Amino acid sequence: MAEVFDTMAPRQIARGRARHPRHALRLHATDTGTSWVYGPGTAVATLTATAEQLVLLLWGRMRSADAAFNWTGDQEAGLRILAGALTP
């Protein structure tokens, strides 16, 4: 996850394939207990799934509407944060 947020997403933003997030999104891995926050400020939404499912989502291999994912908070804002290609 850190590789996506620290390396891939900034490159995609620089290339115009994604936008800087206006808000923060927390991704929480249920199997490892690890969380990551992407974006500025306090998270407006949390997306919960296994670490594998979260990675697959960020790499475009799963959809956020999949039953594996649980949203809390402002889901619309969370979806806007994930919009665009955060990975190549």
PDB file of N, CA and C in Angstrom:
ATOM      1  N   MET A   1       0.822  -1.188   0.000  1.00  0.00           N
ATOM      2  CA  MET A   1       0.000   0.000   0.000  1.00  0.00           C
ATOM      3  C   MET A   1       0.865   1.251   0.000  1.00  0.00           C
ATOM      4  N   ALA A   2       1.875   1.252   0.847  1.00  0.00           N
ATOM      5  CA  ALA A   2       2.734   2.433   0.935  1.00  0.00           C
ATOM      6  C   ALA A   2       3.365   2.739  -0.417  1.00  0.00           C
ATOM      7  N   GLU A   3       3.742   1.706  -1.165  1.00  0.00           N
ATOM      8  CA  GLU A   3       4.335   1.928  -2.487  1.00  0.00           C
ATOM      9  C   GLU A   3       3.362   2.658  -3.417  1.00  0.00           C
ATOM     10  N   VAL A   4       2.104   2.293  -3.340  1.00  0.00           N
ATOM     11  CA  VAL A   4       1.105   2.958  -4.176  1.00  0.00           C
ATOM     12  C   VAL A   4       0.983   4.422  -3.783  1.00  0.00           C
ATOM     13  N   PHE A   5       0.850   4.696  -2.495  1.00  0.00           N
ATOM     14  CA  PHE A   5       0.612   6.070  -2.047  1.00  0.00           C
ATOM     15  C   PHE A   5       1.862   6.936  -2.082  1.00  0.00           C
ATOM     16  N   ASP A   6       3.026   6.345  -1.825  1.00  0.00           N
ATOM     17  CA  ASP A   6       4.266   7.119  -1.763  1.00  0.00           C
ATOM     18  C   ASP A   6       4.949   7.272  -3.122  1.00  0.00           C
ATOM     19  N   THR A   7       4.764   6.303  -4.006  1.00  0.00           N
ATOM     20  CA  THR A   7       5.495   6.311  -5.271  1.00  0.00           C
ATOM     21  C   THR A   7       4.579   6.375  -6.485  1.00  0.00           C
ATOM     22  N   MET A   8       3.666   5.434  -6.592  1.00  0.00           N
ATOM     23  CA  MET A   8       2.846   5.318  -7.804  1.00  0.00           C
ATOM     24  C   MET A   8       1.860   6.482  -7.971  1.00  0.00           C
ATOM     25  N   ALA A   9       1.094   6.776  -6.940  1.00  0.00           N
ATOM     26  CA  ALA A   9       0.081   7.835  -7.062  1.00  0.00           C
ATOM     27  C   ALA A   9       0.704   9.191  -7.390  1.00  0.00           C
ATOM     28  N   PRO A  10       1.803   9.611  -6.727  1.00  0.00           N
ATOM     29  CA  PRO A  10       2.407  10.887  -7.109  1.00  0.00           C
ATOM     30  C   PRO A  10       2.845  10.927  -8.575  1.00  0.00           C
ATOM     31  N   ARG A  11       3.351   9.822  -9.085  1.00  0.00           N
ATOM     32  CA  ARG A  11       3.748   9.766 -10.501  1.00  0.00           C
ATOM     33  C   ARG A  11       2.523   9.883 -11.408  1.00  0.00           C
ATOM     34  N   GLN A  12       1.458   9.215 -11.032  1.00  0.00           N
ATOM     35  CA  GLN A  12       0.240   9.275 -11.843  1.00  0.00           C
ATOM     36  C   GLN A  12      -0.347  10.689 -11.826  1.00  0.00           C
ATOM     37  N   ILE A  13      -0.274  11.343 -10.691  1.00  0.00           N
ATOM     38  CA  ILE A  13      -0.757  12.726 -10.580  1.00  0.00           C
ATOM     39  C   ILE A  13       0.098  13.631 -11.459  1.00  0.00           C
ATOM     40  N   ALA A  14       1.410  13.468 -11.404  1.00  0.00           N
ATOM     41  CA  ALA A  14       2.318  14.285 -12.212  1.00  0.00           C
ATOM     42  C   ALA A  14       2.071  14.096 -13.701  1.00  0.00           C
ATOM     43  N   ARG A  15       1.610  12.914 -14.078  1.00  0.00           N
ATOM     44  CA  ARG A  15       1.337  12.625 -15.499  1.00  0.00           C
ATOM     45  C   ARG A  15      -0.099  12.959 -15.903  1.00  0.00           C
ATOM     46  N   GLY A  16      -0.889  13.485 -14.963  1.00  0.00           N
ATOM     47  CA  GLY A  16      -2.256  13.884 -15.266  1.00  0.00           C
ATOM     48  C   GLY A  16      -3.256  12.748 -15.323  1.00  0.00           C
ATOM     49  N   ARG A  17      -2.896  11.575 -14.828  1.00  0.00           N
ATOM     50  CA  ARG A  17      -3.791  10.415 -14.848  1.00  0.00           C
ATOM     51  C   ARG A  17      -4.660  10.312 -13.599  1.00  0.00           C
ATOM     52  N   ALA A  18      -4.303  11.069 -12.581  1.00  0.00           N
ATOM     53  CA  ALA A  18      -5.064  11.107 -11.327  1.00  0.00           C
ATOM     54  C   ALA A  18      -4.939  12.518 -10.770  1.00  0.00           C
ATOM     55  N   ARG A  19      -5.783  12.833  -9.809  1.00  0.00           N
ATOM     56  CA  ARG A  19      -5.758  14.154  -9.180  1.00  0.00           C
ATOM     57  C   ARG A  19      -5.297  14.052  -7.735  1.00  0.00           C
ATOM     58  N   HIS A  20      -4.774  15.179  -7.235  1.00  0.00           N
ATOM     59  CA  HIS A  20      -4.464  15.244  -5.810  1.00  0.00           C
ATOM     60  C   HIS A  20      -5.771  15.079  -5.039  1.00  0.00           C
ATOM     61  N   PRO A  21      -5.797  14.231  -4.020  1.00  0.00           N
ATOM     62  CA  PRO A  21      -7.028  14.087  -3.234  1.00  0.00           C
ATOM     63  C   PRO A  21      -7.294  15.351  -2.421  1.00  0.00           C
ATOM     64  N   ARG A  22      -8.557  15.753  -2.376  1.00  0.00           N
ATOM     65  CA  ARG A  22      -8.944  16.923  -1.584  1.00  0.00           C
ATOM     66  C   ARG A  22      -9.152  16.562  -0.126  1.00  0.00           C
ATOM     67  N   HIS A  23      -9.451  15.296   0.126  1.00  0.00           N
ATOM     68  CA  HIS A  23      -9.697  14.793   1.474  1.00  0.00           C
ATOM     69  C   HIS A  23      -8.876  13.527   1.671  1.00  0.00           C
ATOM     70  N   ALA A  24      -8.905  13.001   2.870  1.00  0.00           N
ATOM     71  CA  ALA A  24      -8.164  11.772   3.168  1.00  0.00           C
ATOM     72  C   ALA A  24      -9.110  10.575   3.248  1.00  0.00           C
ATOM     73  N   LEU A  25      -8.579   9.444   2.835  1.00  0.00           N
ATOM     74  CA  LEU A  25      -9.264   8.159   2.906  1.00  0.00           C
ATOM     75  C   LEU A  25      -8.393   7.210   3.708  1.00  0.00           C
ATOM     76  N   ARG A  26      -8.990   6.509   4.667  1.00  0.00           N
ATOM     77  CA  ARG A  26      -8.273   5.484   5.430  1.00  0.00           C
ATOM     78  C   ARG A  26      -8.612   4.129   4.822  1.00  0.00           C
ATOM     79  N   LEU A  27      -7.591   3.338   4.572  1.00  0.00           N
ATOM     80  CA  LEU A  27      -7.761   1.953   4.143  1.00  0.00           C
ATOM     81  C   LEU A  27      -7.289   1.085   5.289  1.00  0.00           C
ATOM     82  N   HIS A  28      -8.120   0.177   5.727  1.00  0.00           N
ATOM     83  CA  HIS A  28      -7.805  -0.666   6.890  1.00  0.00           C
ATOM     84  C   HIS A  28      -7.845  -2.132   6.475  1.00  0.00           C
ATOM     85  N   ALA A  29      -6.736  -2.827   6.710  1.00  0.00           N
ATOM     86  CA  ALA A  29      -6.638  -4.248   6.392  1.00  0.00           C
ATOM     87  C   ALA A  29      -7.103  -5.061   7.593  1.00  0.00           C
ATOM     88  N   THR A  30      -8.188  -5.793   7.409  1.00  0.00           N
ATOM     89  CA  THR A  30      -8.780  -6.554   8.509  1.00  0.00           C
ATOM     90  C   THR A  30      -7.901  -7.721   8.950  1.00  0.00           C
ATOM     91  N   ASP A  31      -7.103  -8.266   8.043  1.00  0.00           N
ATOM     92  CA  ASP A  31      -6.299  -9.438   8.392  1.00  0.00           C
ATOM     93  C   ASP A  31      -4.979  -9.095   9.065  1.00  0.00           C
ATOM     94  N   THR A  32      -4.488  -7.877   8.868  1.00  0.00           N
ATOM     95  CA  THR A  32      -3.206  -7.501   9.478  1.00  0.00           C
ATOM     96  C   THR A  32      -3.364  -6.434  10.554  1.00  0.00           C
ATOM     97  N   GLY A  33      -4.515  -5.760  10.572  1.00  0.00           N
ATOM     98  CA  GLY A  33      -4.746  -4.683  11.521  1.00  0.00           C
ATOM     99  C   GLY A  33      -4.032  -3.389  11.145  1.00  0.00           C
ATOM    100  N   THR A  34      -3.461  -3.353   9.949  1.00  0.00           N
ATOM    101  CA  THR A  34      -2.723  -2.189   9.476  1.00  0.00           C
ATOM    102  C   THR A  34      -3.650  -1.218   8.766  1.00  0.00           C
ATOM    103  N   SER A  35      -3.379   0.076   8.938  1.00  0.00           N
ATOM    104  CA  SER A  35      -4.147   1.116   8.248  1.00  0.00           C
ATOM    105  C   SER A  35      -3.216   2.067   7.533  1.00  0.00           C
ATOM    106  N   TRP A  36      -3.693   2.610   6.434  1.00  0.00           N
ATOM    107  CA  TRP A  36      -2.981   3.618   5.667  1.00  0.00           C
ATOM    108  C   TRP A  36      -3.945   4.760   5.425  1.00  0.00           C
ATOM    109  N   VAL A  37      -3.425   5.975   5.413  1.00  0.00           N
ATOM    110  CA  VAL A  37      -4.243   7.148   5.105  1.00  0.00           C
ATOM    111  C   VAL A  37      -3.661   7.792   3.862  1.00  0.00           C
ATOM    112  N   TYR A  38      -4.531   8.033   2.890  1.00  0.00           N
ATOM    113  CA  TYR A  38      -4.123   8.679   1.650  1.00  0.00           C
ATOM    114  C   TYR A  38      -4.894   9.981   1.506  1.00  0.00           C
ATOM    115  N   GLY A  39      -4.168  11.069   1.436  1.00  0.00           N
ATOM    116  CA  GLY A  39      -4.777  12.381   1.279  1.00  0.00           C
ATOM    117  C   GLY A  39      -4.546  13.249   2.500  1.00  0.00           C
ATOM    118  N   PRO A  40      -4.889  14.525   2.375  1.00  0.00           N
ATOM    119  CA  PRO A  40      -4.632  15.478   3.453  1.00  0.00           C
ATOM    120  C   PRO A  40      -5.715  15.480   4.532  1.00  0.00           C
ATOM    121  N   GLY A  41      -5.307  15.760   5.753  1.00  0.00           N
ATOM    122  CA  GLY A  41      -6.251  15.935   6.858  1.00  0.00           C
ATOM    123  C   GLY A  41      -6.757  14.639   7.432  1.00  0.00           C
ATOM    124  N   THR A  42      -7.852  14.766   8.148  1.00  0.00           N
ATOM    125  CA  THR A  42      -8.498  13.622   8.784  1.00  0.00           C
ATOM    126  C   THR A  42      -9.310  12.853   7.753  1.00  0.00           C
ATOM    127  N   ALA A  43      -9.282  11.536   7.844  1.00  0.00           N
ATOM    128  CA  ALA A  43     -10.010  10.708   6.885  1.00  0.00           C
ATOM    129  C   ALA A  43     -11.508  10.979   6.956  1.00  0.00           C
ATOM    130  N   VAL A  44     -12.119  11.163   5.781  1.00  0.00           N
ATOM    131  CA  VAL A  44     -13.566  11.381   5.691  1.00  0.00           C
ATOM    132  C   VAL A  44     -14.306  10.066   5.513  1.00  0.00           C
ATOM    133  N   ALA A  45     -13.560   9.009   5.156  1.00  0.00           N
ATOM    134  CA  ALA A  45     -14.156   7.686   4.965  1.00  0.00           C
ATOM    135  C   ALA A  45     -13.100   6.630   5.263  1.00  0.00           C
ATOM    136  N   THR A  46     -13.578   5.434   5.566  1.00  0.00           N
ATOM    137  CA  THR A  46     -12.693   4.290   5.776  1.00  0.00           C
ATOM    138  C   THR A  46     -13.177   3.147   4.898  1.00  0.00           C
ATOM    139  N   LEU A  47     -12.230   2.519   4.224  1.00  0.00           N
ATOM    140  CA  LEU A  47     -12.508   1.349   3.403  1.00  0.00           C
ATOM    141  C   LEU A  47     -11.805   0.173   4.056  1.00  0.00           C
ATOM    142  N   THR A  48     -12.565  -0.873   4.356  1.00  0.00           N
ATOM    143  CA  THR A  48     -12.045  -2.017   5.094  1.00  0.00           C
ATOM    144  C   THR A  48     -12.178  -3.286   4.261  1.00  0.00           C
ATOM    145  N   ALA A  49     -11.104  -4.065   4.232  1.00  0.00           N
ATOM    146  CA  ALA A  49     -11.064  -5.371   3.559  1.00  0.00           C
ATOM    147  C   ALA A  49      -9.736  -6.012   3.950  1.00  0.00           C
ATOM    148  N   THR A  50      -9.437  -7.180   3.389  1.00  0.00           N
ATOM    149  CA  THR A  50      -8.126  -7.776   3.647  1.00  0.00           C
ATOM    150  C   THR A  50      -7.066  -6.965   2.906  1.00  0.00           C
ATOM    151  N   ALA A  51      -5.831  -7.108   3.318  1.00  0.00           N
ATOM    152  CA  ALA A  51      -4.737  -6.393   2.659  1.00  0.00           C
ATOM    153  C   ALA A  51      -4.661  -6.771   1.185  1.00  0.00           C
ATOM    154  N   GLU A  52      -4.831  -8.036   0.892  1.00  0.00           N
ATOM    155  CA  GLU A  52      -4.797  -8.492  -0.502  1.00  0.00           C
ATOM    156  C   GLU A  52      -5.887  -7.813  -1.328  1.00  0.00           C
ATOM    157  N   GLN A  53      -7.100  -7.753  -0.793  1.00  0.00           N
ATOM    158  CA  GLN A  53      -8.202  -7.133  -1.523  1.00  0.00           C
ATOM    159  C   GLN A  53      -7.963  -5.639  -1.732  1.00  0.00           C
ATOM    160  N   LEU A  54      -7.411  -4.966  -0.735  1.00  0.00           N
ATOM    161  CA  LEU A  54      -7.121  -3.539  -0.877  1.00  0.00           C
ATOM    162  C   LEU A  54      -6.065  -3.297  -1.951  1.00  0.00           C
ATOM    163  N   VAL A  55      -5.030  -4.128  -1.973  1.00  0.00           N
ATOM    164  CA  VAL A  55      -3.998  -3.993  -3.003  1.00  0.00           C
ATOM    165  C   VAL A  55      -4.603  -4.256  -4.384  1.00  0.00           C
ATOM    166  N   LEU A  56      -5.415  -5.282  -4.495  1.00  0.00           N
ATOM    167  CA  LEU A  56      -6.057  -5.582  -5.781  1.00  0.00           C
ATOM    168  C   LEU A  56      -6.934  -4.421  -6.237  1.00  0.00           C
ATOM    169  N   LEU A  57      -7.612  -3.776  -5.312  1.00  0.00           N
ATOM    170  CA  LEU A  57      -8.428  -2.607  -5.649  1.00  0.00           C
ATOM    171  C   LEU A  57      -7.548  -1.478  -6.193  1.00  0.00           C
ATOM    172  N   LEU A  58      -6.462  -1.171  -5.497  1.00  0.00           N
ATOM    173  CA  LEU A  58      -5.594  -0.075  -5.916  1.00  0.00           C
ATOM    174  C   LEU A  58      -4.941  -0.332  -7.267  1.00  0.00           C
ATOM    175  N   TRP A  59      -4.732  -1.590  -7.600  1.00  0.00           N
ATOM    176  CA  TRP A  59      -4.138  -1.942  -8.894  1.00  0.00           C
ATOM    177  C   TRP A  59      -5.204  -2.222  -9.949  1.00  0.00           C
ATOM    178  N   GLY A  60      -6.456  -1.910  -9.644  1.00  0.00           N
ATOM    179  CA  GLY A  60      -7.527  -2.045 -10.635  1.00  0.00           C
ATOM    180  C   GLY A  60      -7.976  -3.463 -10.903  1.00  0.00           C
ATOM    181  N   ARG A  61      -7.701  -4.380  -9.977  1.00  0.00           N
ATOM    182  CA  ARG A  61      -8.081  -5.786 -10.168  1.00  0.00           C
ATOM    183  C   ARG A  61      -9.384  -6.149  -9.459  1.00  0.00           C
ATOM    184  N   MET A  62      -9.868  -5.237  -8.621  1.00  0.00           N
ATOM    185  CA  MET A  62     -11.167  -5.401  -7.954  1.00  0.00           C
ATOM    186  C   MET A  62     -11.861  -4.048  -7.998  1.00  0.00           C
ATOM    187  N   ARG A  63     -13.176  -4.075  -7.838  1.00  0.00           N
ATOM    188  CA  ARG A  63     -13.971  -2.846  -7.816  1.00  0.00           C
ATOM    189  C   ARG A  63     -14.388  -2.538  -6.384  1.00  0.00           C
ATOM    190  N   SER A  64     -14.467  -1.257  -6.071  1.00  0.00           N
ATOM    191  CA  SER A  64     -14.816  -0.847  -4.706  1.00  0.00           C
ATOM    192  C   SER A  64     -16.240  -1.244  -4.331  1.00  0.00           C
ATOM    193  N   ALA A  65     -17.079  -1.554  -5.313  1.00  0.00           N
ATOM    194  CA  ALA A  65     -18.458  -1.977  -5.041  1.00  0.00           C
ATOM    195  C   ALA A  65     -18.543  -3.464  -4.685  1.00  0.00           C
ATOM    196  N   ASP A  66     -17.434  -4.181  -4.799  1.00  0.00           N
ATOM    197  CA  ASP A  66     -17.407  -5.601  -4.482  1.00  0.00           C
ATOM    198  C   ASP A  66     -17.826  -5.815  -3.030  1.00  0.00           C
ATOM    199  N   ALA A  67     -18.516  -6.901  -2.779  1.00  0.00           N
ATOM    200  CA  ALA A  67     -19.011  -7.206  -1.429  1.00  0.00           C
ATOM    201  C   ALA A  67     -17.884  -7.392  -0.416  1.00  0.00           C
ATOM    202  N   ALA A  68     -16.659  -7.577  -0.877  1.00  0.00           N
ATOM    203  CA  ALA A  68     -15.519  -7.755   0.028  1.00  0.00           C
ATOM    204  C   ALA A  68     -15.185  -6.482   0.788  1.00  0.00           C
ATOM    205  N   PHE A  69     -15.625  -5.331   0.272  1.00  0.00           N
ATOM    206  CA  PHE A  69     -15.263  -4.044   0.854  1.00  0.00           C
ATOM    207  C   PHE A  69     -16.381  -3.493   1.722  1.00  0.00           C
ATOM    208  N   ASN A  70     -15.977  -2.923   2.851  1.00  0.00           N
ATOM    209  CA  ASN A  70     -16.917  -2.288   3.769  1.00  0.00           C
ATOM    210  C   ASN A  70     -16.543  -0.817   3.896  1.00  0.00           C
ATOM    211  N   TRP A  71     -17.490   0.044   3.612  1.00  0.00           N
ATOM    212  CA  TRP A  71     -17.281   1.493   3.707  1.00  0.00           C
ATOM    213  C   TRP A  71     -17.916   2.038   4.972  1.00  0.00           C
ATOM    214  N   THR A  72     -17.236   2.976   5.623  1.00  0.00           N
ATOM    215  CA  THR A  72     -17.834   3.782   6.679  1.00  0.00           C
ATOM    216  C   THR A  72     -17.475   5.236   6.382  1.00  0.00           C
ATOM    217  N   GLY A  73     -18.295   6.139   6.843  1.00  0.00           N
ATOM    218  CA  GLY A  73     -18.058   7.552   6.575  1.00  0.00           C
ATOM    219  C   GLY A  73     -18.621   7.955   5.228  1.00  0.00           C
ATOM    220  N   ASP A  74     -18.015   8.958   4.618  1.00  0.00           N
ATOM    221  CA  ASP A  74     -18.490   9.538   3.365  1.00  0.00           C
ATOM    222  C   ASP A  74     -17.982   8.718   2.178  1.00  0.00           C
ATOM    223  N   GLN A  75     -18.755   7.724   1.781  1.00  0.00           N
ATOM    224  CA  GLN A  75     -18.349   6.821   0.708  1.00  0.00           C
ATOM    225  C   GLN A  75     -18.157   7.569  -0.614  1.00  0.00           C
ATOM    226  N   GLU A  76     -19.013   8.529  -0.911  1.00  0.00           N
ATOM    227  CA  GLU A  76     -18.875   9.293  -2.159  1.00  0.00           C
ATOM    228  C   GLU A  76     -17.528  10.001  -2.217  1.00  0.00           C
ATOM    229  N   ALA A  77     -17.142  10.630  -1.106  1.00  0.00           N
ATOM    230  CA  ALA A  77     -15.841  11.298  -1.056  1.00  0.00           C
ATOM    231  C   ALA A  77     -14.717  10.278  -1.200  1.00  0.00           C
ATOM    232  N   GLY A  78     -14.875   9.126  -0.569  1.00  0.00           N
ATOM    233  CA  GLY A  78     -13.881   8.065  -0.687  1.00  0.00           C
ATOM    234  C   GLY A  78     -13.718   7.590  -2.118  1.00  0.00           C
ATOM    235  N   LEU A  79     -14.826   7.453  -2.820  1.00  0.00           N
ATOM    236  CA  LEU A  79     -14.766   7.033  -4.216  1.00  0.00           C
ATOM    237  C   LEU A  79     -14.085   8.089  -5.088  1.00  0.00           C
ATOM    238  N   ARG A  80     -14.319   9.357  -4.784  1.00  0.00           N
ATOM    239  CA  ARG A  80     -13.644  10.431  -5.538  1.00  0.00           C
ATOM    240  C   ARG A  80     -12.130  10.360  -5.317  1.00  0.00           C
ATOM    241  N   ILE A  81     -11.723  10.027  -4.106  1.00  0.00           N
ATOM    242  CA  ILE A  81     -10.293   9.915  -3.798  1.00  0.00           C
ATOM    243  C   ILE A  81      -9.665   8.782  -4.605  1.00  0.00           C
ATOM    244  N   LEU A  82     -10.398   7.700  -4.787  1.00  0.00           N
ATOM    245  CA  LEU A  82      -9.887   6.550  -5.535  1.00  0.00           C
ATOM    246  C   LEU A  82     -10.055   6.691  -7.045  1.00  0.00           C
ATOM    247  N   ALA A  83     -10.769   7.717  -7.490  1.00  0.00           N
ATOM    248  CA  ALA A  83     -11.003   7.904  -8.927  1.00  0.00           C
ATOM    249  C   ALA A  83      -9.685   8.217  -9.630  1.00  0.00           C
ATOM    250  N   GLY A  84      -9.607   7.826 -10.860  1.00  0.00           N
ATOM    251  CA  GLY A  84      -8.364   8.023 -11.610  1.00  0.00           C
ATOM    252  C   GLY A  84      -7.456   6.841 -11.412  1.00  0.00           C
ATOM    253  N   ALA A  85      -6.390   6.837 -12.163  1.00  0.00           N
ATOM    254  CA  ALA A  85      -5.443   5.721 -12.124  1.00  0.00           C
ATOM    255  C   ALA A  85      -4.337   6.017 -11.115  1.00  0.00           C
ATOM    256  N   LEU A  86      -4.473   5.500  -9.910  1.00  0.00           N
ATOM    257  CA  LEU A  86      -3.430   5.699  -8.900  1.00  0.00           C
ATOM    258  C   LEU A  86      -2.198   4.842  -9.183  1.00  0.00           C
ATOM    259  N   THR A  87      -2.373   3.838 -10.025  1.00  0.00           N
ATOM    260  CA  THR A  87      -1.274   2.967 -10.433  1.00  0.00           C
ATOM    261  C   THR A  87      -1.261   2.902 -11.957  1.00  0.00           C
ATOM    262  N   PRO A  88      -0.103   2.591 -12.535  1.00  0.00           N
ATOM    263  CA  PRO A  88      -0.045   2.517 -14.016  1.00  0.00           C
ATOM    264  C   PRO A  88      -0.808   1.346 -14.587  1.00  0.00           C
TER     265      PRO A  88
END
